[in-house]
Amino acid sequence: MFRFLEERFACAQACTECARSCAVRASLVDPDGTEQQELARRKGIMCAEVCDATCRVLSEENRQDEDGIRVQLEWCRTVCLETAHVFDAYPGAEEAAAACRACARACTTFLGTLR
């Protein structure tokens, strides 16, 4: 039980950090830029929203079933990895890409406690 709670908290923290980093990164992209810049902006916004939602799910008092939590974590992990890949193409976005990867790892670790 202790490991479960510890991993859940670590995942929620990683999601919060990723949401913050992605929101900041998205705000720095020129909205009238190239198609690639627009992709980075949209991915950053989406990742911030998914991570924020995941953090909220993890913070709830077991009001959601384990299958629902698993789906949310898998969605978050996928979006984070996709966003990190997009951010890799931008100098200065290394911190945001690292936060995305850390969140994906935390989701993977927490998923392991659900099995």
PDB file of N, CA and C in Angstrom:
ATOM      1  N   MET A   1       0.823  -1.191   0.000  1.00  0.00           N
ATOM      2  CA  MET A   1       0.000   0.000   0.000  1.00  0.00           C
ATOM      3  C   MET A   1       0.870   1.259   0.000  1.00  0.00           C
ATOM      4  N   PHE A   2       1.967   1.238   0.779  1.00  0.00           N
ATOM      5  CA  PHE A   2       2.852   2.395   0.847  1.00  0.00           C
ATOM      6  C   PHE A   2       3.456   2.692  -0.519  1.00  0.00           C
ATOM      7  N   ARG A   3       3.921   1.651  -1.213  1.00  0.00           N
ATOM      8  CA  ARG A   3       4.514   1.838  -2.546  1.00  0.00           C
ATOM      9  C   ARG A   3       3.479   2.426  -3.503  1.00  0.00           C
ATOM     10  N   PHE A   4       2.262   1.927  -3.442  1.00  0.00           N
ATOM     11  CA  PHE A   4       1.186   2.422  -4.296  1.00  0.00           C
ATOM     12  C   PHE A   4       0.985   3.928  -4.091  1.00  0.00           C
ATOM     13  N   LEU A   5       0.878   4.348  -2.852  1.00  0.00           N
ATOM     14  CA  LEU A   5       0.659   5.761  -2.550  1.00  0.00           C
ATOM     15  C   LEU A   5       1.865   6.614  -2.933  1.00  0.00           C
ATOM     16  N   GLU A   6       3.049   6.088  -2.700  1.00  0.00           N
ATOM     17  CA  GLU A   6       4.268   6.811  -3.055  1.00  0.00           C
ATOM     18  C   GLU A   6       4.377   7.008  -4.565  1.00  0.00           C
ATOM     19  N   GLU A   7       4.120   5.955  -5.318  1.00  0.00           N
ATOM     20  CA  GLU A   7       4.184   6.038  -6.784  1.00  0.00           C
ATOM     21  C   GLU A   7       3.072   6.925  -7.338  1.00  0.00           C
ATOM     22  N   ARG A   8       1.914   6.870  -6.728  1.00  0.00           N
ATOM     23  CA  ARG A   8       0.796   7.718  -7.160  1.00  0.00           C
ATOM     24  C   ARG A   8       1.148   9.191  -6.962  1.00  0.00           C
ATOM     25  N   PHE A   9       1.723   9.521  -5.819  1.00  0.00           N
ATOM     26  CA  PHE A   9       2.114  10.891  -5.529  1.00  0.00           C
ATOM     27  C   PHE A   9       3.231  11.342  -6.476  1.00  0.00           C
ATOM     28  N   ALA A  10       4.220  10.491  -6.706  1.00  0.00           N
ATOM     29  CA  ALA A  10       5.323  10.832  -7.612  1.00  0.00           C
ATOM     30  C   ALA A  10       4.809  11.082  -9.030  1.00  0.00           C
ATOM     31  N   CYS A  11       3.859  10.295  -9.457  1.00  0.00           N
ATOM     32  CA  CYS A  11       3.268  10.459 -10.788  1.00  0.00           C
ATOM     33  C   CYS A  11       2.502  11.780 -10.866  1.00  0.00           C
ATOM     34  N   ALA A  12       1.739  12.086  -9.840  1.00  0.00           N
ATOM     35  CA  ALA A  12       0.987  13.344  -9.823  1.00  0.00           C
ATOM     36  C   ALA A  12       1.937  14.540  -9.856  1.00  0.00           C
ATOM     37  N   GLN A  13       3.045  14.446  -9.138  1.00  0.00           N
ATOM     38  CA  GLN A  13       4.039  15.523  -9.157  1.00  0.00           C
ATOM     39  C   GLN A  13       4.655  15.681 -10.542  1.00  0.00           C
ATOM     40  N   ALA A  14       4.998  14.562 -11.176  1.00  0.00           N
ATOM     41  CA  ALA A  14       5.587  14.608 -12.515  1.00  0.00           C
ATOM     42  C   ALA A  14       4.591  15.197 -13.515  1.00  0.00           C
ATOM     43  N   CYS A  15       3.325  14.855 -13.372  1.00  0.00           N
ATOM     44  CA  CYS A  15       2.293  15.405 -14.248  1.00  0.00           C
ATOM     45  C   CYS A  15       2.170  16.914 -14.073  1.00  0.00           C
ATOM     46  N   THR A  16       2.238  17.367 -12.832  1.00  0.00           N
ATOM     47  CA  THR A  16       2.152  18.802 -12.559  1.00  0.00           C
ATOM     48  C   THR A  16       3.328  19.542 -13.184  1.00  0.00           C
ATOM     49  N   GLU A  17       4.518  18.998 -13.016  1.00  0.00           N
ATOM     50  CA  GLU A  17       5.712  19.635 -13.594  1.00  0.00           C
ATOM     51  C   GLU A  17       5.652  19.638 -15.114  1.00  0.00           C
ATOM     52  N   CYS A  18       5.200  18.562 -15.692  1.00  0.00           N
ATOM     53  CA  CYS A  18       5.087  18.481 -17.145  1.00  0.00           C
ATOM     54  C   CYS A  18       4.055  19.481 -17.660  1.00  0.00           C
ATOM     55  N   ALA A  19       2.929  19.574 -16.996  1.00  0.00           N
ATOM     56  CA  ALA A  19       1.886  20.520 -17.407  1.00  0.00           C
ATOM     57  C   ALA A  19       2.426  21.942 -17.385  1.00  0.00           C
ATOM     58  N   ARG A  20       3.161  22.278 -16.334  1.00  0.00           N
ATOM     59  CA  ARG A  20       3.743  23.617 -16.230  1.00  0.00           C
ATOM     60  C   ARG A  20       4.749  23.867 -17.353  1.00  0.00           C
ATOM     61  N   SER A  21       5.651  22.935 -17.562  1.00  0.00           N
ATOM     62  CA  SER A  21       6.679  23.092 -18.594  1.00  0.00           C
ATOM     63  C   SER A  21       6.072  23.195 -19.990  1.00  0.00           C
ATOM     64  N   CYS A  22       5.078  22.378 -20.259  1.00  0.00           N
ATOM     65  CA  CYS A  22       4.444  22.395 -21.586  1.00  0.00           C
ATOM     66  C   CYS A  22       3.666  23.689 -21.817  1.00  0.00           C
ATOM     67  N   ALA A  23       2.999  24.164 -20.789  1.00  0.00           N
ATOM     68  CA  ALA A  23       2.252  25.413 -20.928  1.00  0.00           C
ATOM     69  C   ALA A  23       3.204  26.580 -21.199  1.00  0.00           C
ATOM     70  N   VAL A  24       4.308  26.606 -20.477  1.00  0.00           N
ATOM     71  CA  VAL A  24       5.304  27.664 -20.698  1.00  0.00           C
ATOM     72  C   VAL A  24       5.873  27.552 -22.105  1.00  0.00           C
ATOM     73  N   ARG A  25       6.248  26.342 -22.499  1.00  0.00           N
ATOM     74  CA  ARG A  25       6.843  26.141 -23.828  1.00  0.00           C
ATOM     75  C   ARG A  25       5.859  26.559 -24.918  1.00  0.00           C
ATOM     76  N   ALA A  26       4.605  26.162 -24.789  1.00  0.00           N
ATOM     77  CA  ALA A  26       3.589  26.505 -25.795  1.00  0.00           C
ATOM     78  C   ALA A  26       3.407  28.019 -25.885  1.00  0.00           C
ATOM     79  N   SER A  27       3.508  28.702 -24.767  1.00  0.00           N
ATOM     80  CA  SER A  27       3.325  30.153 -24.775  1.00  0.00           C
ATOM     81  C   SER A  27       4.478  30.870 -25.470  1.00  0.00           C
ATOM     82  N   LEU A  28       5.627  30.219 -25.585  1.00  0.00           N
ATOM     83  CA  LEU A  28       6.793  30.833 -26.217  1.00  0.00           C
ATOM     84  C   LEU A  28       6.818  30.662 -27.729  1.00  0.00           C
ATOM     85  N   VAL A  29       5.951  29.802 -28.261  1.00  0.00           N
ATOM     86  CA  VAL A  29       5.925  29.540 -29.693  1.00  0.00           C
ATOM     87  C   VAL A  29       5.066  30.602 -30.381  1.00  0.00           C
ATOM     88  N   ASP A  30       5.570  31.109 -31.474  1.00  0.00           N
ATOM     89  CA  ASP A  30       4.852  32.122 -32.250  1.00  0.00           C
ATOM     90  C   ASP A  30       3.596  31.500 -32.855  1.00  0.00           C
ATOM     91  N   PRO A  31       2.401  31.989 -32.475  1.00  0.00           N
ATOM     92  CA  PRO A  31       1.164  31.402 -33.000  1.00  0.00           C
ATOM     93  C   PRO A  31       0.992  31.617 -34.504  1.00  0.00           C
ATOM     94  N   ASP A  32       1.716  32.562 -35.073  1.00  0.00           N
ATOM     95  CA  ASP A  32       1.643  32.807 -36.517  1.00  0.00           C
ATOM     96  C   ASP A  32       2.865  32.252 -37.231  1.00  0.00           C
ATOM     97  N   GLY A  33       3.534  31.287 -36.611  1.00  0.00           N
ATOM     98  CA  GLY A  33       4.752  30.720 -37.173  1.00  0.00           C
ATOM     99  C   GLY A  33       4.480  29.661 -38.218  1.00  0.00           C
ATOM    100  N   THR A  34       5.477  28.857 -38.442  1.00  0.00           N
ATOM    101  CA  THR A  34       5.399  27.798 -39.435  1.00  0.00           C
ATOM    102  C   THR A  34       4.460  26.682 -38.975  1.00  0.00           C
ATOM    103  N   GLU A  35       4.217  25.763 -39.866  1.00  0.00           N
ATOM    104  CA  GLU A  35       3.375  24.617 -39.533  1.00  0.00           C
ATOM    105  C   GLU A  35       3.993  23.803 -38.396  1.00  0.00           C
ATOM    106  N   GLN A  36       5.318  23.654 -38.407  1.00  0.00           N
ATOM    107  CA  GLN A  36       6.015  22.925 -37.336  1.00  0.00           C
ATOM    108  C   GLN A  36       5.877  23.648 -36.004  1.00  0.00           C
ATOM    109  N   GLN A  37       5.958  24.979 -36.031  1.00  0.00           N
ATOM    110  CA  GLN A  37       5.791  25.747 -34.801  1.00  0.00           C
ATOM    111  C   GLN A  37       4.374  25.595 -34.267  1.00  0.00           C
ATOM    112  N   GLU A  38       3.417  25.611 -35.155  1.00  0.00           N
ATOM    113  CA  GLU A  38       2.018  25.435 -34.741  1.00  0.00           C
ATOM    114  C   GLU A  38       1.809  24.047 -34.137  1.00  0.00           C
ATOM    115  N   LEU A  39       2.449  23.029 -34.720  1.00  0.00           N
ATOM    116  CA  LEU A  39       2.363  21.678 -34.169  1.00  0.00           C
ATOM    117  C   LEU A  39       2.936  21.650 -32.756  1.00  0.00           C
ATOM    118  N   ALA A  40       4.083  22.289 -32.554  1.00  0.00           N
ATOM    119  CA  ALA A  40       4.704  22.321 -31.225  1.00  0.00           C
ATOM    120  C   ALA A  40       3.802  23.043 -30.234  1.00  0.00           C
ATOM    121  N   ARG A  41       3.198  24.136 -30.657  1.00  0.00           N
ATOM    122  CA  ARG A  41       2.301  24.884 -29.773  1.00  0.00           C
ATOM    123  C   ARG A  41       1.090  24.038 -29.384  1.00  0.00           C
ATOM    124  N   ARG A  42       0.465  23.416 -30.375  1.00  0.00           N
ATOM    125  CA  ARG A  42      -0.723  22.588 -30.096  1.00  0.00           C
ATOM    126  C   ARG A  42      -0.382  21.392 -29.225  1.00  0.00           C
ATOM    127  N   LYS A  43       0.741  20.733 -29.514  1.00  0.00           N
ATOM    128  CA  LYS A  43       1.153  19.576 -28.707  1.00  0.00           C
ATOM    129  C   LYS A  43       1.427  20.000 -27.270  1.00  0.00           C
ATOM    130  N   GLY A  44       2.074  21.158 -27.107  1.00  0.00           N
ATOM    131  CA  GLY A  44       2.354  21.654 -25.764  1.00  0.00           C
ATOM    132  C   GLY A  44       1.083  21.925 -24.981  1.00  0.00           C
ATOM    133  N   ILE A  45       0.118  22.542 -25.637  1.00  0.00           N
ATOM    134  CA  ILE A  45      -1.165  22.829 -24.984  1.00  0.00           C
ATOM    135  C   ILE A  45      -1.886  21.528 -24.633  1.00  0.00           C
ATOM    136  N   MET A  46      -1.927  20.605 -25.576  1.00  0.00           N
ATOM    137  CA  MET A  46      -2.609  19.329 -25.326  1.00  0.00           C
ATOM    138  C   MET A  46      -1.939  18.565 -24.184  1.00  0.00           C
ATOM    139  N   CYS A  47      -0.619  18.532 -24.199  1.00  0.00           N
ATOM    140  CA  CYS A  47       0.105  17.814 -23.149  1.00  0.00           C
ATOM    141  C   CYS A  47      -0.173  18.446 -21.786  1.00  0.00           C
ATOM    142  N   ALA A  48      -0.172  19.765 -21.729  1.00  0.00           N
ATOM    143  CA  ALA A  48      -0.469  20.450 -20.466  1.00  0.00           C
ATOM    144  C   ALA A  48      -1.861  20.078 -19.959  1.00  0.00           C
ATOM    145  N   GLU A  49      -2.827  20.037 -20.859  1.00  0.00           N
ATOM    146  CA  GLU A  49      -4.199  19.703 -20.465  1.00  0.00           C
ATOM    147  C   GLU A  49      -4.327  18.251 -20.009  1.00  0.00           C
ATOM    148  N   VAL A  50      -3.691  17.334 -20.744  1.00  0.00           N
ATOM    149  CA  VAL A  50      -3.765  15.906 -20.385  1.00  0.00           C
ATOM    150  C   VAL A  50      -3.063  15.664 -19.050  1.00  0.00           C
ATOM    151  N   CYS A  51      -1.904  16.279 -18.861  1.00  0.00           N
ATOM    152  CA  CYS A  51      -1.174  16.103 -17.603  1.00  0.00           C
ATOM    153  C   CYS A  51      -1.952  16.692 -16.429  1.00  0.00           C
ATOM    154  N   ASP A  52      -2.558  17.830 -16.640  1.00  0.00           N
ATOM    155  CA  ASP A  52      -3.378  18.441 -15.592  1.00  0.00           C
ATOM    156  C   ASP A  52      -4.550  17.524 -15.229  1.00  0.00           C
ATOM    157  N   ALA A  53      -5.211  16.983 -16.230  1.00  0.00           N
ATOM    158  CA  ALA A  53      -6.336  16.067 -15.981  1.00  0.00           C
ATOM    159  C   ALA A  53      -5.866  14.807 -15.256  1.00  0.00           C
ATOM    160  N   THR A  54      -4.706  14.302 -15.638  1.00  0.00           N
ATOM    161  CA  THR A  54      -4.165  13.098 -14.999  1.00  0.00           C
ATOM    162  C   THR A  54      -3.842  13.379 -13.538  1.00  0.00           C
ATOM    163  N   CYS A  55      -3.256  14.521 -13.271  1.00  0.00           N
ATOM    164  CA  CYS A  55      -2.960  14.898 -11.889  1.00  0.00           C
ATOM    165  C   CYS A  55      -4.244  14.960 -11.067  1.00  0.00           C
ATOM    166  N   ARG A  56      -5.296  15.519 -11.634  1.00  0.00           N
ATOM    167  CA  ARG A  56      -6.578  15.591 -10.913  1.00  0.00           C
ATOM    168  C   ARG A  56      -7.130  14.203 -10.623  1.00  0.00           C
ATOM    169  N   VAL A  57      -7.027  13.300 -11.594  1.00  0.00           N
ATOM    170  CA  VAL A  57      -7.501  11.921 -11.383  1.00  0.00           C
ATOM    171  C   VAL A  57      -6.712  11.261 -10.254  1.00  0.00           C
ATOM    172  N   LEU A  58      -5.399  11.467 -10.264  1.00  0.00           N
ATOM    173  CA  LEU A  58      -4.554  10.838  -9.245  1.00  0.00           C
ATOM    174  C   LEU A  58      -4.759  11.450  -7.858  1.00  0.00           C
ATOM    175  N   SER A  59      -5.230  12.667  -7.821  1.00  0.00           N
ATOM    176  CA  SER A  59      -5.440  13.353  -6.547  1.00  0.00           C
ATOM    177  C   SER A  59      -6.784  13.022  -5.906  1.00  0.00           C
ATOM    178  N   GLU A  60      -7.687  12.425  -6.669  1.00  0.00           N
ATOM    179  CA  GLU A  60      -9.004  12.075  -6.138  1.00  0.00           C
ATOM    180  C   GLU A  60      -8.891  10.921  -5.158  1.00  0.00           C
ATOM    181  N   GLU A  61      -9.815  10.854  -4.271  1.00  0.00           N
ATOM    182  CA  GLU A  61      -9.862   9.813  -3.252  1.00  0.00           C
ATOM    183  C   GLU A  61     -10.476   8.524  -3.803  1.00  0.00           C
ATOM    184  N   ASN A  62      -9.784   7.858  -4.692  1.00  0.00           N
ATOM    185  CA  ASN A  62     -10.239   6.578  -5.252  1.00  0.00           C
ATOM    186  C   ASN A  62     -11.663   6.616  -5.780  1.00  0.00           C
ATOM    187  N   ARG A  63     -12.067   7.758  -6.316  1.00  0.00           N
ATOM    188  CA  ARG A  63     -13.424   7.879  -6.859  1.00  0.00           C
ATOM    189  C   ARG A  63     -13.526   7.287  -8.254  1.00  0.00           C
ATOM    190  N   GLN A  64     -12.395   6.897  -8.801  1.00  0.00           N
ATOM    191  CA  GLN A  64     -12.393   6.330 -10.134  1.00  0.00           C
ATOM    192  C   GLN A  64     -11.862   4.908 -10.046  1.00  0.00           C
ATOM    193  N   ASP A  65     -12.404   4.039 -10.852  1.00  0.00           N
ATOM    194  CA  ASP A  65     -11.968   2.656 -10.814  1.00  0.00           C
ATOM    195  C   ASP A  65     -10.569   2.512 -11.401  1.00  0.00           C
ATOM    196  N   GLU A  66      -9.955   1.403 -11.101  1.00  0.00           N
ATOM    197  CA  GLU A  66      -8.581   1.148 -11.534  1.00  0.00           C
ATOM    198  C   GLU A  66      -8.445   1.156 -13.053  1.00  0.00           C
ATOM    199  N   ASP A  67      -9.437   0.632 -13.763  1.00  0.00           N
ATOM    200  CA  ASP A  67      -9.385   0.635 -15.228  1.00  0.00           C
ATOM    201  C   ASP A  67      -9.401   2.061 -15.769  1.00  0.00           C
ATOM    202  N   GLY A  68     -10.198   2.927 -15.167  1.00  0.00           N
ATOM    203  CA  GLY A  68     -10.244   4.325 -15.587  1.00  0.00           C
ATOM    204  C   GLY A  68      -8.922   5.028 -15.345  1.00  0.00           C
ATOM    205  N   ILE A  69      -8.294   4.748 -14.219  1.00  0.00           N
ATOM    206  CA  ILE A  69      -6.985   5.332 -13.917  1.00  0.00           C
ATOM    207  C   ILE A  69      -5.952   4.822 -14.910  1.00  0.00           C
ATOM    208  N   ARG A  70      -5.995   3.539 -15.209  1.00  0.00           N
ATOM    209  CA  ARG A  70      -5.053   2.947 -16.158  1.00  0.00           C
ATOM    210  C   ARG A  70      -5.178   3.612 -17.536  1.00  0.00           C
ATOM    211  N   VAL A  71      -6.387   3.803 -18.016  1.00  0.00           N
ATOM    212  CA  VAL A  71      -6.600   4.444 -19.313  1.00  0.00           C
ATOM    213  C   VAL A  71      -6.043   5.864 -19.302  1.00  0.00           C
ATOM    214  N   GLN A  72      -6.303   6.605 -18.230  1.00  0.00           N
ATOM    215  CA  GLN A  72      -5.807   7.977 -18.118  1.00  0.00           C
ATOM    216  C   GLN A  72      -4.277   7.998 -18.133  1.00  0.00           C
ATOM    217  N   LEU A  73      -3.658   7.093 -17.395  1.00  0.00           N
ATOM    218  CA  LEU A  73      -2.194   7.036 -17.340  1.00  0.00           C
ATOM    219  C   LEU A  73      -1.588   6.677 -18.702  1.00  0.00           C
ATOM    220  N   GLU A  74      -2.192   5.739 -19.385  1.00  0.00           N
ATOM    221  CA  GLU A  74      -1.687   5.350 -20.704  1.00  0.00           C
ATOM    222  C   GLU A  74      -1.826   6.491 -21.703  1.00  0.00           C
ATOM    223  N   TRP A  75      -2.936   7.218 -21.624  1.00  0.00           N
ATOM    224  CA  TRP A  75      -3.145   8.378 -22.495  1.00  0.00           C
ATOM    225  C   TRP A  75      -2.088   9.450 -22.203  1.00  0.00           C
ATOM    226  N   CYS A  76      -1.871   9.712 -20.935  1.00  0.00           N
ATOM    227  CA  CYS A  76      -0.891  10.717 -20.525  1.00  0.00           C
ATOM    228  C   CYS A  76       0.509  10.322 -21.006  1.00  0.00           C
ATOM    229  N   ARG A  77       0.865   9.079 -20.804  1.00  0.00           N
ATOM    230  CA  ARG A  77       2.189   8.601 -21.218  1.00  0.00           C
ATOM    231  C   ARG A  77       2.378   8.781 -22.719  1.00  0.00           C
ATOM    232  N   THR A  78       1.382   8.418 -23.493  1.00  0.00           N
ATOM    233  CA  THR A  78       1.467   8.530 -24.952  1.00  0.00           C
ATOM    234  C   THR A  78       1.606   9.983 -25.392  1.00  0.00           C
ATOM    235  N   VAL A  79       0.774  10.846 -24.852  1.00  0.00           N
ATOM    236  CA  VAL A  79       0.818  12.262 -25.214  1.00  0.00           C
ATOM    237  C   VAL A  79       2.159  12.880 -24.809  1.00  0.00           C
ATOM    238  N   CYS A  80       2.649  12.530 -23.640  1.00  0.00           N
ATOM    239  CA  CYS A  80       3.942  13.064 -23.179  1.00  0.00           C
ATOM    240  C   CYS A  80       5.083  12.648 -24.105  1.00  0.00           C
ATOM    241  N   LEU A  81       5.111  11.400 -24.505  1.00  0.00           N
ATOM    242  CA  LEU A  81       6.184  10.939 -25.389  1.00  0.00           C
ATOM    243  C   LEU A  81       6.096  11.593 -26.766  1.00  0.00           C
ATOM    244  N   GLU A  82       4.892  11.749 -27.280  1.00  0.00           N
ATOM    245  CA  GLU A  82       4.717  12.422 -28.568  1.00  0.00           C
ATOM    246  C   GLU A  82       5.160  13.883 -28.483  1.00  0.00           C
ATOM    247  N   THR A  83       4.802  14.537 -27.401  1.00  0.00           N
ATOM    248  CA  THR A  83       5.161  15.942 -27.221  1.00  0.00           C
ATOM    249  C   THR A  83       6.661  16.102 -27.047  1.00  0.00           C
ATOM    250  N   ALA A  84       7.287  15.225 -26.288  1.00  0.00           N
ATOM    251  CA  ALA A  84       8.744  15.280 -26.121  1.00  0.00           C
ATOM    252  C   ALA A  84       9.432  15.156 -27.478  1.00  0.00           C
ATOM    253  N   HIS A  85       8.936  14.271 -28.299  1.00  0.00           N
ATOM    254  CA  HIS A  85       9.510  14.078 -29.633  1.00  0.00           C
ATOM    255  C   HIS A  85       9.400  15.360 -30.465  1.00  0.00           C
ATOM    256  N   VAL A  86       8.266  16.022 -30.412  1.00  0.00           N
ATOM    257  CA  VAL A  86       8.082  17.283 -31.144  1.00  0.00           C
ATOM    258  C   VAL A  86       9.007  18.360 -30.576  1.00  0.00           C
ATOM    259  N   PHE A  87       9.109  18.450 -29.254  1.00  0.00           N
ATOM    260  CA  PHE A  87       9.956  19.457 -28.624  1.00  0.00           C
ATOM    261  C   PHE A  87      11.439  19.240 -28.925  1.00  0.00           C
ATOM    262  N   ASP A  88      11.820  18.017 -29.195  1.00  0.00           N
ATOM    263  CA  ASP A  88      13.222  17.720 -29.502  1.00  0.00           C
ATOM    264  C   ASP A  88      13.743  18.530 -30.690  1.00  0.00           C
ATOM    265  N   ALA A  89      12.855  18.958 -31.564  1.00  0.00           N
ATOM    266  CA  ALA A  89      13.253  19.701 -32.761  1.00  0.00           C
ATOM    267  C   ALA A  89      13.507  21.182 -32.482  1.00  0.00           C
ATOM    268  N   TYR A  90      13.266  21.635 -31.245  1.00  0.00           N
ATOM    269  CA  TYR A  90      13.371  23.055 -30.931  1.00  0.00           C
ATOM    270  C   TYR A  90      14.467  23.339 -29.919  1.00  0.00           C
ATOM    271  N   PRO A  91      15.464  24.122 -30.331  1.00  0.00           N
ATOM    272  CA  PRO A  91      16.474  24.545 -29.353  1.00  0.00           C
ATOM    273  C   PRO A  91      15.786  25.346 -28.243  1.00  0.00           C
ATOM    274  N   GLY A  92      16.163  25.079 -27.023  1.00  0.00           N
ATOM    275  CA  GLY A  92      15.549  25.758 -25.888  1.00  0.00           C
ATOM    276  C   GLY A  92      14.381  25.002 -25.295  1.00  0.00           C
ATOM    277  N   ALA A  93      13.942  23.951 -25.955  1.00  0.00           N
ATOM    278  CA  ALA A  93      12.798  23.177 -25.457  1.00  0.00           C
ATOM    279  C   ALA A  93      13.242  21.904 -24.727  1.00  0.00           C
ATOM    280  N   GLU A  94      14.523  21.808 -24.450  1.00  0.00           N
ATOM    281  CA  GLU A  94      15.054  20.595 -23.820  1.00  0.00           C
ATOM    282  C   GLU A  94      14.431  20.331 -22.449  1.00  0.00           C
ATOM    283  N   GLU A  95      14.222  21.383 -21.673  1.00  0.00           N
ATOM    284  CA  GLU A  95      13.644  21.219 -20.334  1.00  0.00           C
ATOM    285  C   GLU A  95      12.215  20.683 -20.415  1.00  0.00           C
ATOM    286  N   ALA A  96      11.447  21.207 -21.344  1.00  0.00           N
ATOM    287  CA  ALA A  96      10.070  20.736 -21.510  1.00  0.00           C
ATOM    288  C   ALA A  96      10.042  19.290 -21.994  1.00  0.00           C
ATOM    289  N   ALA A  97      10.929  18.953 -22.929  1.00  0.00           N
ATOM    290  CA  ALA A  97      11.000  17.567 -23.418  1.00  0.00           C
ATOM    291  C   ALA A  97      11.391  16.621 -22.291  1.00  0.00           C
ATOM    292  N   ALA A  98      12.330  17.045 -21.448  1.00  0.00           N
ATOM    293  CA  ALA A  98      12.751  16.219 -20.313  1.00  0.00           C
ATOM    294  C   ALA A  98      11.608  16.038 -19.319  1.00  0.00           C
ATOM    295  N   ALA A  99      10.832  17.102 -19.072  1.00  0.00           N
ATOM    296  CA  ALA A  99       9.682  16.995 -18.161  1.00  0.00           C
ATOM    297  C   ALA A  99       8.649  16.028 -18.722  1.00  0.00           C
ATOM    298  N   CYS A 100       8.444  16.053 -20.029  1.00  0.00           N
ATOM    299  CA  CYS A 100       7.500  15.131 -20.669  1.00  0.00           C
ATOM    300  C   CYS A 100       7.963  13.688 -20.494  1.00  0.00           C
ATOM    301  N   ARG A 101       9.247  13.458 -20.716  1.00  0.00           N
ATOM    302  CA  ARG A 101       9.777  12.090 -20.570  1.00  0.00           C
ATOM    303  C   ARG A 101       9.728  11.623 -19.108  1.00  0.00           C
ATOM    304  N   ALA A 102       9.999  12.526 -18.186  1.00  0.00           N
ATOM    305  CA  ALA A 102       9.918  12.168 -16.763  1.00  0.00           C
ATOM    306  C   ALA A 102       8.483  11.807 -16.386  1.00  0.00           C
ATOM    307  N   CYS A 103       7.535  12.535 -16.918  1.00  0.00           N
ATOM    308  CA  CYS A 103       6.128  12.238 -16.648  1.00  0.00           C
ATOM    309  C   CYS A 103       5.746  10.879 -17.240  1.00  0.00           C
ATOM    310  N   ALA A 104       6.193  10.617 -18.452  1.00  0.00           N
ATOM    311  CA  ALA A 104       5.901   9.321 -19.091  1.00  0.00           C
ATOM    312  C   ALA A 104       6.488   8.180 -18.259  1.00  0.00           C
ATOM    313  N   ARG A 105       7.712   8.366 -17.744  1.00  0.00           N
ATOM    314  CA  ARG A 105       8.329   7.332 -16.893  1.00  0.00           C
ATOM    315  C   ARG A 105       7.532   7.145 -15.603  1.00  0.00           C
ATOM    316  N   ALA A 106       7.088   8.250 -15.000  1.00  0.00           N
ATOM    317  CA  ALA A 106       6.313   8.158 -13.760  1.00  0.00           C
ATOM    318  C   ALA A 106       4.985   7.439 -14.003  1.00  0.00           C
ATOM    319  N   CYS A 107       4.367   7.723 -15.150  1.00  0.00           N
ATOM    320  CA  CYS A 107       3.115   7.026 -15.492  1.00  0.00           C
ATOM    321  C   CYS A 107       3.363   5.535 -15.664  1.00  0.00           C
ATOM    322  N   THR A 108       4.457   5.186 -16.333  1.00  0.00           N
ATOM    323  CA  THR A 108       4.811   3.777 -16.538  1.00  0.00           C
ATOM    324  C   THR A 108       5.051   3.086 -15.206  1.00  0.00           C
ATOM    325  N   THR A 109       5.780   3.750 -14.324  1.00  0.00           N
ATOM    326  CA  THR A 109       6.063   3.175 -13.001  1.00  0.00           C
ATOM    327  C   THR A 109       4.781   2.964 -12.214  1.00  0.00           C
ATOM    328  N   PHE A 110       3.911   3.964 -12.223  1.00  0.00           N
ATOM    329  CA  PHE A 110       2.660   3.827 -11.480  1.00  0.00           C
ATOM    330  C   PHE A 110       1.765   2.761 -12.083  1.00  0.00           C
ATOM    331  N   LEU A 111       1.770   2.671 -13.403  1.00  0.00           N
ATOM    332  CA  LEU A 111       0.995   1.601 -14.056  1.00  0.00           C
ATOM    333  C   LEU A 111       1.443   0.230 -13.535  1.00  0.00           C
ATOM    334  N   GLY A 112       2.733   0.102 -13.284  1.00  0.00           N
ATOM    335  CA  GLY A 112       3.264  -1.162 -12.762  1.00  0.00           C
ATOM    336  C   GLY A 112       2.709  -1.521 -11.409  1.00  0.00           C
ATOM    337  N   THR A 113       2.318  -0.538 -10.602  1.00  0.00           N
ATOM    338  CA  THR A 113       1.745  -0.833  -9.291  1.00  0.00           C
ATOM    339  C   THR A 113       0.281  -1.240  -9.396  1.00  0.00           C
ATOM    340  N   LEU A 114      -0.344  -0.948 -10.541  1.00  0.00           N
ATOM    341  CA  LEU A 114      -1.753  -1.296 -10.727  1.00  0.00           C
ATOM    342  C   LEU A 114      -1.945  -2.725 -11.208  1.00  0.00           C
ATOM    343  N   ARG A 115      -0.901  -3.379 -11.632  1.00  0.00           N
ATOM    344  CA  ARG A 115      -1.042  -4.717 -12.220  1.00  0.00           C
ATOM    345  C   ARG A 115      -1.040  -5.798 -11.214  1.00  0.00           C
TER     346      ARG A 115
END
